[in-house]
């Protein structure tokens, strides 16, 4: 999702879910993996979202305040970084912990 909201639509949000991607089997494991990602990488952030029905999902993304003004280049670069990072997150989380294929290629914080 690409959303602008708030006063003057000054807050730009980019968030993604991937219901077709493998995820950890339990909420606790999903939370641990998201926390590990957030500790190792600046963006996008990964969170576990609980729903009233007891189900949950992982949401990956970020937001930026546009009110101070941004260049087209910064807007495009931020969008690209968050979208590419979200794709990398879904690859990363699908890789079993400790696997040699779990090497981190995403730009670290």
Protein backbone atom coordinates (compact mmCIF):
# COMPACT_ATOMS: atom_id res chain seq x y z
CA UNK A 1 0.00 0.00 0.00
CA UNK A 2 1.11 3.52 -0.80
CA UNK A 3 -0.89 5.97 1.32
CA UNK A 4 -0.69 9.68 2.08
CA UNK A 5 -2.64 10.82 5.13
CA UNK A 6 -2.79 13.38 7.90
CA UNK A 7 -3.01 17.15 7.61
CA UNK A 8 -2.42 17.98 3.97
CA UNK A 9 -1.66 14.30 3.34
CA UNK A 10 1.86 14.99 4.60
CA UNK A 11 2.56 11.52 6.03
CA UNK A 12 3.56 9.03 3.34
CA UNK A 13 3.17 5.36 4.28
CA UNK A 14 4.40 2.32 2.39
CA UNK A 15 3.34 -1.04 3.81
CA UNK A 16 3.21 -4.56 2.45
CA UNK A 17 1.94 -7.96 3.45
CA UNK A 18 2.54 -11.20 1.61
CA UNK A 19 -0.06 -13.82 2.43
CA UNK A 20 1.40 -16.11 -0.23
CA UNK A 21 4.87 -16.16 1.38
CA UNK A 22 5.96 -18.67 4.04
CA UNK A 23 6.07 -17.19 7.54
CA UNK A 24 7.03 -18.52 10.96
CA UNK A 25 4.58 -21.05 12.37
CA UNK A 26 3.90 -19.21 15.63
CA UNK A 27 3.27 -15.62 16.64
CA UNK A 28 6.24 -15.79 19.03
CA UNK A 29 8.61 -16.93 16.29
CA UNK A 30 7.26 -14.28 13.91
CA UNK A 31 7.80 -11.63 16.58
CA UNK A 32 11.35 -12.84 17.26
CA UNK A 33 12.20 -12.80 13.55
CA UNK A 34 10.67 -9.33 13.05
CA UNK A 35 12.60 -8.03 16.06
CA UNK A 36 15.81 -9.51 14.66
CA UNK A 37 15.17 -7.83 11.30
CA UNK A 38 14.41 -4.48 12.97
CA UNK A 39 17.57 -4.76 15.06
CA UNK A 40 19.78 -5.54 12.06
CA UNK A 41 18.21 -3.30 9.41
CA UNK A 42 17.08 0.31 9.33
CA UNK A 43 14.18 -0.20 6.94
CA UNK A 44 11.66 -1.31 6.29
CA UNK A 45 10.28 -2.03 9.72
CA UNK A 46 8.56 -5.37 10.30
CA UNK A 47 5.72 -5.81 12.79
CA UNK A 48 3.34 -8.54 13.82
CA UNK A 49 -0.24 -7.27 13.66
CA UNK A 50 -2.82 -9.08 15.76
CA UNK A 51 -6.45 -9.16 14.67
CA UNK A 52 -9.52 -9.44 16.90
CA UNK A 53 -10.23 -12.93 15.53
CA UNK A 54 -6.93 -14.18 16.98
CA UNK A 55 -5.24 -14.40 13.60
CA UNK A 56 -2.35 -12.16 12.74
CA UNK A 57 -0.01 -11.22 9.96
CA UNK A 58 3.32 -9.54 9.34
CA UNK A 59 3.31 -6.00 8.00
CA UNK A 60 6.49 -4.52 6.51
CA UNK A 61 7.00 -0.89 5.59
CA UNK A 62 7.76 2.62 6.70
CA UNK A 63 6.56 6.18 6.77
CA UNK A 64 8.03 9.62 6.29
CA UNK A 65 6.80 13.14 7.02
CA UNK A 66 6.68 15.10 3.78
CA UNK A 67 5.57 18.41 5.31
CA UNK A 68 9.06 19.94 5.53
CA UNK A 69 9.41 19.25 1.80
CA UNK A 70 11.33 16.63 -0.14
CA UNK A 71 12.86 16.43 -3.56
CA UNK A 72 11.52 14.08 -6.21
CA UNK A 73 14.81 12.21 -5.97
CA UNK A 74 14.48 11.68 -2.22
CA UNK A 75 10.85 10.58 -2.57
CA UNK A 76 11.77 8.11 -5.32
CA UNK A 77 14.79 6.78 -3.44
CA UNK A 78 12.83 6.35 -0.21
CA UNK A 79 10.04 4.53 -2.06
CA UNK A 80 12.55 2.29 -3.84
CA UNK A 81 14.42 1.48 -0.62
CA UNK A 82 11.28 0.52 1.30
CA UNK A 83 9.78 -1.54 -1.56
CA UNK A 84 13.06 -3.35 -2.29
CA UNK A 85 13.64 -3.87 1.42
CA UNK A 86 10.15 -5.36 1.81
CA UNK A 87 10.87 -7.83 -0.98
CA UNK A 88 14.17 -8.73 0.67
CA UNK A 89 12.41 -9.15 4.01
CA UNK A 90 9.98 -11.71 2.55
CA UNK A 91 12.90 -13.67 1.09
CA UNK A 92 14.79 -13.43 4.37
CA UNK A 93 11.92 -14.53 6.62
CA UNK A 94 11.20 -17.54 4.41
CA UNK A 95 14.77 -18.78 4.92
CA UNK A 96 15.15 -21.07 7.95
CA UNK A 97 17.16 -19.62 10.84
CA UNK A 98 20.79 -20.82 10.70
CA UNK A 99 20.61 -21.75 7.02
CA UNK A 100 23.65 -20.85 4.89
CA UNK A 101 21.16 -19.24 2.50
CA UNK A 102 20.14 -16.80 5.26
CA UNK A 103 23.00 -14.41 4.51
CA UNK A 104 21.93 -10.79 4.83
CA UNK A 105 22.35 -8.75 1.66
CA UNK A 106 20.06 -5.88 2.65
CA UNK A 107 21.72 -2.57 3.56
CA UNK A 108 22.23 -2.68 7.30
CA UNK A 109 21.61 0.22 9.63
